[in-house]
Amino acid sequence: MAKVLGVMLTILGTLGCLGNLFLYLNSSAYLRYNPADSVKGLLDVGLAFQIVLFGLLLLGGVLLVKYSTEPESK
């Protein structure tokens, strides 16, 4: 059952990371919408918590898939 949970966490973490990458590449942290403003950071655009959260989900899912053992059924 741990491998199933690991696969679900891996899929959720991957989709979340890809979504956050899309949001980051379209935010003012990457693009300069107004040249008079300074470049904003991840905390300013509100993506830091989401990136950390989905990164931990992805890491936890990969570790569960890799290191969990299932009992052999006969």
PDB file of N, CA and C in Angstrom:
ATOM      1  N   MET A   1       0.809  -1.193   0.000  1.00  0.00           N
ATOM      2  CA  MET A   1       0.000   0.000   0.000  1.00  0.00           C
ATOM      3  C   MET A   1       0.858   1.266   0.000  1.00  0.00           C
ATOM      4  N   ALA A   2       2.065   1.150   0.537  1.00  0.00           N
ATOM      5  CA  ALA A   2       2.945   2.314   0.586  1.00  0.00           C
ATOM      6  C   ALA A   2       3.413   2.706  -0.812  1.00  0.00           C
ATOM      7  N   LYS A   3       3.599   1.724  -1.690  1.00  0.00           N
ATOM      8  CA  LYS A   3       4.015   2.052  -3.052  1.00  0.00           C
ATOM      9  C   LYS A   3       2.909   2.792  -3.800  1.00  0.00           C
ATOM     10  N   VAL A   4       1.660   2.422  -3.535  1.00  0.00           N
ATOM     11  CA  VAL A   4       0.530   3.107  -4.175  1.00  0.00           C
ATOM     12  C   VAL A   4       0.468   4.557  -3.701  1.00  0.00           C
ATOM     13  N   LEU A   5       0.643   4.761  -2.396  1.00  0.00           N
ATOM     14  CA  LEU A   5       0.671   6.118  -1.856  1.00  0.00           C
ATOM     15  C   LEU A   5       1.854   6.897  -2.430  1.00  0.00           C
ATOM     16  N   GLY A   6       2.998   6.237  -2.563  1.00  0.00           N
ATOM     17  CA  GLY A   6       4.169   6.888  -3.146  1.00  0.00           C
ATOM     18  C   GLY A   6       3.954   7.305  -4.587  1.00  0.00           C
ATOM     19  N   VAL A   7       3.286   6.449  -5.359  1.00  0.00           N
ATOM     20  CA  VAL A   7       3.001   6.798  -6.759  1.00  0.00           C
ATOM     21  C   VAL A   7       2.033   7.971  -6.825  1.00  0.00           C
ATOM     22  N   MET A   8       1.019   7.972  -5.960  1.00  0.00           N
ATOM     23  CA  MET A   8       0.071   9.086  -5.958  1.00  0.00           C
ATOM     24  C   MET A   8       0.747  10.391  -5.558  1.00  0.00           C
ATOM     25  N   LEU A   9       1.615  10.343  -4.555  1.00  0.00           N
ATOM     26  CA  LEU A   9       2.341  11.544  -4.142  1.00  0.00           C
ATOM     27  C   LEU A   9       3.304  12.019  -5.228  1.00  0.00           C
ATOM     28  N   THR A  10       3.925  11.069  -5.918  1.00  0.00           N
ATOM     29  CA  THR A  10       4.837  11.434  -7.003  1.00  0.00           C
ATOM     30  C   THR A  10       4.089  12.118  -8.141  1.00  0.00           C
ATOM     31  N   ILE A  11       2.946  11.575  -8.511  1.00  0.00           N
ATOM     32  CA  ILE A  11       2.158  12.185  -9.587  1.00  0.00           C
ATOM     33  C   ILE A  11       1.663  13.561  -9.177  1.00  0.00           C
ATOM     34  N   LEU A  12       1.152  13.682  -7.942  1.00  0.00           N
ATOM     35  CA  LEU A  12       0.662  14.970  -7.461  1.00  0.00           C
ATOM     36  C   LEU A  12       1.800  15.987  -7.368  1.00  0.00           C
ATOM     37  N   GLY A  13       2.947  15.564  -6.860  1.00  0.00           N
ATOM     38  CA  GLY A  13       4.096  16.464  -6.769  1.00  0.00           C
ATOM     39  C   GLY A  13       4.610  16.903  -8.128  1.00  0.00           C
ATOM     40  N   THR A  14       4.619  15.981  -9.084  1.00  0.00           N
ATOM     41  CA  THR A  14       5.083  16.323 -10.436  1.00  0.00           C
ATOM     42  C   THR A  14       4.145  17.328 -11.096  1.00  0.00           C
ATOM     43  N   LEU A  15       2.849  17.082 -11.012  1.00  0.00           N
ATOM     44  CA  LEU A  15       1.887  18.014 -11.606  1.00  0.00           C
ATOM     45  C   LEU A  15       1.940  19.373 -10.914  1.00  0.00           C
ATOM     46  N   GLY A  16       2.088  19.359  -9.591  1.00  0.00           N
ATOM     47  CA  GLY A  16       2.200  20.618  -8.863  1.00  0.00           C
ATOM     48  C   GLY A  16       3.463  21.383  -9.220  1.00  0.00           C
ATOM     49  N   CYS A  17       4.577  20.685  -9.361  1.00  0.00           N
ATOM     50  CA  CYS A  17       5.832  21.345  -9.744  1.00  0.00           C
ATOM     51  C   CYS A  17       5.754  21.919 -11.154  1.00  0.00           C
ATOM     52  N   LEU A  18       5.136  21.181 -12.068  1.00  0.00           N
ATOM     53  CA  LEU A  18       4.978  21.700 -13.431  1.00  0.00           C
ATOM     54  C   LEU A  18       4.051  22.916 -13.458  1.00  0.00           C
ATOM     55  N   GLY A  19       2.986  22.869 -12.665  1.00  0.00           N
ATOM     56  CA  GLY A  19       2.082  24.019 -12.578  1.00  0.00           C
ATOM     57  C   GLY A  19       2.769  25.229 -11.982  1.00  0.00           C
ATOM     58  N   ASN A  20       3.563  25.018 -10.947  1.00  0.00           N
ATOM     59  CA  ASN A  20       4.294  26.131 -10.342  1.00  0.00           C
ATOM     60  C   ASN A  20       5.378  26.666 -11.259  1.00  0.00           C
ATOM     61  N   LEU A  21       6.000  25.792 -12.043  1.00  0.00           N
ATOM     62  CA  LEU A  21       6.972  26.260 -13.027  1.00  0.00           C
ATOM     63  C   LEU A  21       6.295  27.165 -14.054  1.00  0.00           C
ATOM     64  N   PHE A  22       5.112  26.770 -14.511  1.00  0.00           N
ATOM     65  CA  PHE A  22       4.349  27.604 -15.447  1.00  0.00           C
ATOM     66  C   PHE A  22       3.999  28.945 -14.808  1.00  0.00           C
ATOM     67  N   LEU A  23       3.547  28.923 -13.544  1.00  0.00           N
ATOM     68  CA  LEU A  23       3.216  30.173 -12.865  1.00  0.00           C
ATOM     69  C   LEU A  23       4.444  31.047 -12.667  1.00  0.00           C
ATOM     70  N   TYR A  24       5.578  30.437 -12.342  1.00  0.00           N
ATOM     71  CA  TYR A  24       6.803  31.211 -12.154  1.00  0.00           C
ATOM     72  C   TYR A  24       7.260  31.858 -13.455  1.00  0.00           C
ATOM     73  N   LEU A  25       7.192  31.105 -14.550  1.00  0.00           N
ATOM     74  CA  LEU A  25       7.646  31.654 -15.830  1.00  0.00           C
ATOM     75  C   LEU A  25       6.725  32.747 -16.360  1.00  0.00           C
ATOM     76  N   ASN A  26       5.520  32.855 -15.823  1.00  0.00           N
ATOM     77  CA  ASN A  26       4.593  33.918 -16.226  1.00  0.00           C
ATOM     78  C   ASN A  26       4.404  34.961 -15.134  1.00  0.00           C
ATOM     79  N   SER A  27       5.265  34.981 -14.139  1.00  0.00           N
ATOM     80  CA  SER A  27       5.133  35.948 -13.047  1.00  0.00           C
ATOM     81  C   SER A  27       6.139  37.076 -13.220  1.00  0.00           C
ATOM     82  N   SER A  28       5.994  38.062 -12.366  1.00  0.00           N
ATOM     83  CA  SER A  28       6.918  39.194 -12.437  1.00  0.00           C
ATOM     84  C   SER A  28       8.277  38.860 -11.822  1.00  0.00           C
ATOM     85  N   ALA A  29       8.436  37.657 -11.268  1.00  0.00           N
ATOM     86  CA  ALA A  29       9.756  37.235 -10.798  1.00  0.00           C
ATOM     87  C   ALA A  29      10.646  36.859 -11.984  1.00  0.00           C
ATOM     88  N   TYR A  30      10.047  36.481 -13.099  1.00  0.00           N
ATOM     89  CA  TYR A  30      10.812  36.065 -14.275  1.00  0.00           C
ATOM     90  C   TYR A  30      10.698  37.095 -15.401  1.00  0.00           C
ATOM     91  N   LEU A  31       9.492  37.581 -15.640  1.00  0.00           N
ATOM     92  CA  LEU A  31       9.259  38.561 -16.706  1.00  0.00           C
ATOM     93  C   LEU A  31       9.286  39.970 -16.138  1.00  0.00           C
ATOM     94  N   ARG A  32       9.718  40.901 -16.925  1.00  0.00           N
ATOM     95  CA  ARG A  32       9.728  42.305 -16.499  1.00  0.00           C
ATOM     96  C   ARG A  32       8.543  42.999 -17.158  1.00  0.00           C
ATOM     97  N   TYR A  33       7.413  43.050 -16.425  1.00  0.00           N
ATOM     98  CA  TYR A  33       6.219  43.695 -16.960  1.00  0.00           C
ATOM     99  C   TYR A  33       6.383  45.200 -17.015  1.00  0.00           C
ATOM    100  N   ASN A  34       6.933  45.768 -15.979  1.00  0.00           N
ATOM    101  CA  ASN A  34       7.122  47.208 -15.901  1.00  0.00           C
ATOM    102  C   ASN A  34       8.606  47.468 -15.647  1.00  0.00           C
ATOM    103  N   PRO A  35       9.319  48.015 -16.617  1.00  0.00           N
ATOM    104  CA  PRO A  35      10.765  48.218 -16.423  1.00  0.00           C
ATOM    105  C   PRO A  35      11.104  49.149 -15.267  1.00  0.00           C
ATOM    106  N   ALA A  36      10.172  49.986 -14.831  1.00  0.00           N
ATOM    107  CA  ALA A  36      10.454  50.899 -13.715  1.00  0.00           C
ATOM    108  C   ALA A  36      10.488  50.152 -12.382  1.00  0.00           C
ATOM    109  N   ASP A  37       9.792  49.028 -12.292  1.00  0.00           N
ATOM    110  CA  ASP A  37       9.793  48.236 -11.052  1.00  0.00           C
ATOM    111  C   ASP A  37      11.021  47.343 -11.000  1.00  0.00           C
ATOM    112  N   SER A  38      11.419  47.024  -9.785  1.00  0.00           N
ATOM    113  CA  SER A  38      12.535  46.090  -9.638  1.00  0.00           C
ATOM    114  C   SER A  38      12.032  44.656  -9.844  1.00  0.00           C
ATOM    115  N   VAL A  39      12.956  43.752 -10.056  1.00  0.00           N
ATOM    116  CA  VAL A  39      12.600  42.344 -10.229  1.00  0.00           C
ATOM    117  C   VAL A  39      12.153  41.793  -8.882  1.00  0.00           C
ATOM    118  N   LYS A  40      11.032  41.114  -8.867  1.00  0.00           N
ATOM    119  CA  LYS A  40      10.485  40.578  -7.621  1.00  0.00           C
ATOM    120  C   LYS A  40      11.017  39.176  -7.379  1.00  0.00           C
ATOM    121  N   GLY A  41      11.004  38.747  -6.134  1.00  0.00           N
ATOM    122  CA  GLY A  41      11.458  37.411  -5.771  1.00  0.00           C
ATOM    123  C   GLY A  41      10.287  36.450  -5.650  1.00  0.00           C
ATOM    124  N   LEU A  42      10.599  35.206  -5.297  1.00  0.00           N
ATOM    125  CA  LEU A  42       9.554  34.193  -5.147  1.00  0.00           C
ATOM    126  C   LEU A  42       8.612  34.509  -3.999  1.00  0.00           C
ATOM    127  N   LEU A  43       9.123  35.106  -2.933  1.00  0.00           N
ATOM    128  CA  LEU A  43       8.257  35.479  -1.814  1.00  0.00           C
ATOM    129  C   LEU A  43       7.309  36.610  -2.196  1.00  0.00           C
ATOM    130  N   ASP A  44       7.767  37.519  -3.025  1.00  0.00           N
ATOM    131  CA  ASP A  44       6.935  38.651  -3.426  1.00  0.00           C
ATOM    132  C   ASP A  44       5.781  38.240  -4.325  1.00  0.00           C
ATOM    133  N   VAL A  45       5.989  37.239  -5.167  1.00  0.00           N
ATOM    134  CA  VAL A  45       4.916  36.811  -6.068  1.00  0.00           C
ATOM    135  C   VAL A  45       4.074  35.689  -5.468  1.00  0.00           C
ATOM    136  N   GLY A  46       4.459  35.180  -4.299  1.00  0.00           N
ATOM    137  CA  GLY A  46       3.643  34.203  -3.592  1.00  0.00           C
ATOM    138  C   GLY A  46       3.813  32.771  -4.042  1.00  0.00           C
ATOM    139  N   LEU A  47       4.955  32.397  -4.572  1.00  0.00           N
ATOM    140  CA  LEU A  47       5.167  31.034  -5.049  1.00  0.00           C
ATOM    141  C   LEU A  47       6.115  30.210  -4.175  1.00  0.00           C
ATOM    142  N   ALA A  48       6.736  30.810  -3.190  1.00  0.00           N
ATOM    143  CA  ALA A  48       7.747  30.098  -2.409  1.00  0.00           C
ATOM    144  C   ALA A  48       7.139  28.935  -1.634  1.00  0.00           C
ATOM    145  N   PHE A  49       6.014  29.158  -0.955  1.00  0.00           N
ATOM    146  CA  PHE A  49       5.398  28.092  -0.166  1.00  0.00           C
ATOM    147  C   PHE A  49       4.933  26.948  -1.057  1.00  0.00           C
ATOM    148  N   GLN A  50       4.336  27.257  -2.189  1.00  0.00           N
ATOM    149  CA  GLN A  50       3.843  26.216  -3.097  1.00  0.00           C
ATOM    150  C   GLN A  50       4.980  25.394  -3.671  1.00  0.00           C
ATOM    151  N   ILE A  51       6.072  26.030  -4.022  1.00  0.00           N
ATOM    152  CA  ILE A  51       7.209  25.304  -4.590  1.00  0.00           C
ATOM    153  C   ILE A  51       7.797  24.360  -3.547  1.00  0.00           C
ATOM    154  N   VAL A  52       7.926  24.823  -2.311  1.00  0.00           N
ATOM    155  CA  VAL A  52       8.453  23.970  -1.243  1.00  0.00           C
ATOM    156  C   VAL A  52       7.491  22.814  -0.965  1.00  0.00           C
ATOM    157  N   LEU A  53       6.190  23.097  -0.903  1.00  0.00           N
ATOM    158  CA  LEU A  53       5.192  22.067  -0.611  1.00  0.00           C
ATOM    159  C   LEU A  53       5.188  20.972  -1.669  1.00  0.00           C
ATOM    160  N   PHE A  54       5.099  21.348  -2.936  1.00  0.00           N
ATOM    161  CA  PHE A  54       5.050  20.340  -3.986  1.00  0.00           C
ATOM    162  C   PHE A  54       6.400  19.648  -4.182  1.00  0.00           C
ATOM    163  N   GLY A  55       7.490  20.345  -3.885  1.00  0.00           N
ATOM    164  CA  GLY A  55       8.796  19.697  -3.924  1.00  0.00           C
ATOM    165  C   GLY A  55       8.922  18.617  -2.860  1.00  0.00           C
ATOM    166  N   LEU A  56       8.398  18.892  -1.651  1.00  0.00           N
ATOM    167  CA  LEU A  56       8.423  17.888  -0.596  1.00  0.00           C
ATOM    168  C   LEU A  56       7.498  16.715  -0.919  1.00  0.00           C
ATOM    169  N   LEU A  57       6.340  16.990  -1.521  1.00  0.00           N
ATOM    170  CA  LEU A  57       5.452  15.902  -1.941  1.00  0.00           C
ATOM    171  C   LEU A  57       6.137  15.011  -2.975  1.00  0.00           C
ATOM    172  N   LEU A  58       6.802  15.624  -3.921  1.00  0.00           N
ATOM    173  CA  LEU A  58       7.510  14.856  -4.945  1.00  0.00           C
ATOM    174  C   LEU A  58       8.642  14.044  -4.333  1.00  0.00           C
ATOM    175  N   LEU A  59       9.407  14.644  -3.464  1.00  0.00           N
ATOM    176  CA  LEU A  59      10.510  13.936  -2.814  1.00  0.00           C
ATOM    177  C   LEU A  59      10.000  12.785  -1.944  1.00  0.00           C
ATOM    178  N   GLY A  60       8.950  13.035  -1.170  1.00  0.00           N
ATOM    179  CA  GLY A  60       8.380  11.986  -0.333  1.00  0.00           C
ATOM    180  C   GLY A  60       7.815  10.837  -1.153  1.00  0.00           C
ATOM    181  N   GLY A  61       7.162  11.152  -2.264  1.00  0.00           N
ATOM    182  CA  GLY A  61       6.626  10.103  -3.128  1.00  0.00           C
ATOM    183  C   GLY A  61       7.717   9.259  -3.753  1.00  0.00           C
ATOM    184  N   VAL A  62       8.765   9.890  -4.216  1.00  0.00           N
ATOM    185  CA  VAL A  62       9.872   9.147  -4.829  1.00  0.00           C
ATOM    186  C   VAL A  62      10.550   8.259  -3.794  1.00  0.00           C
ATOM    187  N   LEU A  63      10.742   8.779  -2.587  1.00  0.00           N
ATOM    188  CA  LEU A  63      11.369   7.974  -1.535  1.00  0.00           C
ATOM    189  C   LEU A  63      10.484   6.803  -1.116  1.00  0.00           C
ATOM    190  N   LEU A  64       9.173   7.013  -1.050  1.00  0.00           N
ATOM    191  CA  LEU A  64       8.267   5.912  -0.716  1.00  0.00           C
ATOM    192  C   LEU A  64       8.296   4.826  -1.792  1.00  0.00           C
ATOM    193  N   VAL A  65       8.299   5.215  -3.040  1.00  0.00           N
ATOM    194  CA  VAL A  65       8.325   4.227  -4.125  1.00  0.00           C
ATOM    195  C   VAL A  65       9.640   3.460  -4.114  1.00  0.00           C
ATOM    196  N   LYS A  66      10.732   4.161  -3.874  1.00  0.00           N
ATOM    197  CA  LYS A  66      12.033   3.520  -3.956  1.00  0.00           C
ATOM    198  C   LYS A  66      12.326   2.597  -2.771  1.00  0.00           C
ATOM    199  N   TYR A  67      11.977   3.016  -1.554  1.00  0.00           N
ATOM    200  CA  TYR A  67      12.437   2.294  -0.379  1.00  0.00           C
ATOM    201  C   TYR A  67      11.360   1.487   0.340  1.00  0.00           C
ATOM    202  N   SER A  68      10.110   1.524  -0.095  1.00  0.00           N
ATOM    203  CA  SER A  68       9.100   0.731   0.599  1.00  0.00           C
ATOM    204  C   SER A  68       9.095  -0.698   0.078  1.00  0.00           C
ATOM    205  N   THR A  69       8.753  -1.606   0.960  1.00  0.00           N
ATOM    206  CA  THR A  69       8.691  -3.019   0.569  1.00  0.00           C
ATOM    207  C   THR A  69       7.264  -3.508   0.756  1.00  0.00           C
ATOM    208  N   GLU A  70       6.848  -4.368  -0.111  1.00  0.00           N
ATOM    209  CA  GLU A  70       5.519  -4.965  -0.040  1.00  0.00           C
ATOM    210  C   GLU A  70       5.673  -6.438   0.317  1.00  0.00           C
ATOM    211  N   PRO A  71       4.761  -6.966   1.110  1.00  0.00           N
ATOM    212  CA  PRO A  71       4.848  -8.401   1.423  1.00  0.00           C
ATOM    213  C   PRO A  71       4.534  -9.242   0.183  1.00  0.00           C
ATOM    214  N   GLU A  72       5.231 -10.348   0.061  1.00  0.00           N
ATOM    215  CA  GLU A  72       4.994 -11.215  -1.092  1.00  0.00           C
ATOM    216  C   GLU A  72       3.727 -12.012  -0.855  1.00  0.00           C
ATOM    217  N   SER A  73       2.870 -12.026  -1.856  1.00  0.00           N
ATOM    218  CA  SER A  73       1.635 -12.809  -1.753  1.00  0.00           C
ATOM    219  C   SER A  73       1.805 -14.100  -2.547  1.00  0.00           C
ATOM    220  N   LYS A  74       1.176 -15.178  -2.070  1.00  0.00           N
ATOM    221  CA  LYS A  74       1.335 -16.475  -2.729  1.00  0.00           C
ATOM    222  C   LYS A  74       0.085 -16.855  -3.457  1.00  0.00           C
TER     223      LYS A  74
END
